[in-house]
Amino acid sequence: MAIETEIFCDGVYQIHVLEETLRMDLMRLQPSPENKTPVPKPFERVVFTRQGFLRTYEAMTQIIRKLEELGYIKRQPPAEDGPAGAK
């Protein structure tokens, strides 16, 4: 399979569900004119069926497991008293 188009993004800006589809807005970090701190700017949307999103989630989960095995990422243990502010 030949890939014709490549899209670079720095992450996901927003995900929302509308009827039978899940819409994922991608973002790029751009310098802020005021202080040069990067700010997210949405630029592209990917629309999934629910089944397509679940297949994508499973594929991403497998990639995360592989990166953990290789030592590229490490999971943080959960805090003992739960989320901040929870009582």
Protein backbone atom coordinates (compact mmCIF):
# COMPACT_ATOMS: atom_id res chain seq x y z
CA MET A 1 0.00 0.00 0.00
CA ALA A 2 1.43 3.37 -0.99
CA ILE A 3 0.72 6.30 1.32
CA GLU A 4 -0.01 9.44 -0.67
CA THR A 5 -0.46 12.00 2.11
CA GLU A 6 1.32 12.54 5.40
CA ILE A 7 -0.11 14.80 8.12
CA PHE A 8 1.96 16.03 11.06
CA CYS A 9 0.24 16.94 14.32
CA ASP A 10 1.42 17.61 17.86
CA GLY A 11 -1.64 15.98 19.39
CA VAL A 12 -5.39 15.93 19.71
CA TYR A 13 -7.16 19.24 20.37
CA GLN A 14 -10.64 17.91 21.04
CA ILE A 15 -12.71 14.74 20.66
CA HIS A 16 -16.47 14.76 20.48
CA VAL A 17 -19.22 12.30 19.59
CA LEU A 18 -21.99 13.27 17.22
CA GLU A 19 -24.64 10.68 16.49
CA GLU A 20 -22.86 7.59 15.10
CA THR A 21 -19.43 9.18 14.64
CA LEU A 22 -16.50 10.27 16.76
CA ARG A 23 -14.71 13.42 15.61
CA MET A 24 -11.10 14.01 16.57
CA ASP A 25 -9.67 17.48 15.97
CA LEU A 26 -5.90 17.45 15.50
CA MET A 27 -3.68 20.35 16.55
CA ARG A 28 -0.26 21.82 15.99
CA LEU A 29 1.65 23.90 18.49
CA GLN A 30 2.25 27.43 17.23
CA PRO A 31 4.23 30.24 18.91
CA SER A 32 2.11 32.81 20.70
CA PRO A 33 2.67 36.34 19.34
CA GLU A 34 2.76 37.72 22.90
CA ASN A 35 5.28 35.50 24.68
CA LYS A 36 6.41 32.82 22.23
CA THR A 37 4.90 30.08 24.44
CA PRO A 38 3.46 27.43 22.12
CA VAL A 39 -0.33 27.42 21.88
CA PRO A 40 -2.46 24.67 20.32
CA LYS A 41 -4.13 25.49 16.99
CA PRO A 42 -6.65 22.99 15.57
CA PHE A 43 -6.14 22.36 11.87
CA GLU A 44 -7.66 19.05 10.75
CA ARG A 45 -10.48 16.70 11.74
CA VAL A 46 -10.58 12.91 11.53
CA VAL A 47 -14.04 11.31 11.65
CA PHE A 48 -14.35 7.72 12.86
CA THR A 49 -17.20 5.27 13.16
CA ARG A 50 -17.43 3.88 16.69
CA GLN A 51 -15.96 0.60 15.48
CA GLY A 52 -13.15 2.41 13.66
CA PHE A 53 -12.29 4.38 16.78
CA LEU A 54 -12.21 1.21 18.90
CA ARG A 55 -9.88 -0.46 16.38
CA THR A 56 -7.65 2.64 16.49
CA TYR A 57 -7.67 2.61 20.30
CA GLU A 58 -6.59 -1.05 20.32
CA ALA A 59 -3.77 -0.32 17.85
CA MET A 60 -2.56 2.63 20.00
CA THR A 61 -2.71 0.45 23.13
CA GLN A 62 -0.46 -2.12 21.44
CA ILE A 63 2.01 0.63 20.48
CA ILE A 64 2.08 1.94 24.07
CA ARG A 65 2.78 -1.59 25.37
CA LYS A 66 5.65 -1.97 22.90
CA LEU A 67 7.12 1.44 23.88
CA GLU A 68 6.93 0.38 27.55
CA GLU A 69 8.70 -2.91 26.77
CA LEU A 70 11.46 -0.98 24.98
CA GLY A 71 11.79 1.43 27.94
CA TYR A 72 10.81 4.54 25.96
CA ILE A 73 7.93 5.32 28.31
CA LYS A 74 7.25 4.43 31.94
CA ARG A 75 3.88 4.43 33.68
CA GLN A 76 3.55 6.40 36.89
CA PRO A 77 2.09 4.42 39.80
CA PRO A 78 -1.33 5.72 40.89
CA ALA A 79 -1.38 8.10 43.85
CA GLU A 80 -2.34 6.32 47.07
CA ASP A 81 -5.02 8.85 48.07
CA GLY A 82 -6.63 9.04 44.63
CA PRO A 83 -7.03 12.09 42.40
CA ALA A 84 -6.02 15.48 43.75
CA GLY A 85 -8.78 17.02 45.83
CA ALA A 86 -10.77 13.77 46.13
CA LYS A 87 -11.92 12.96 49.68
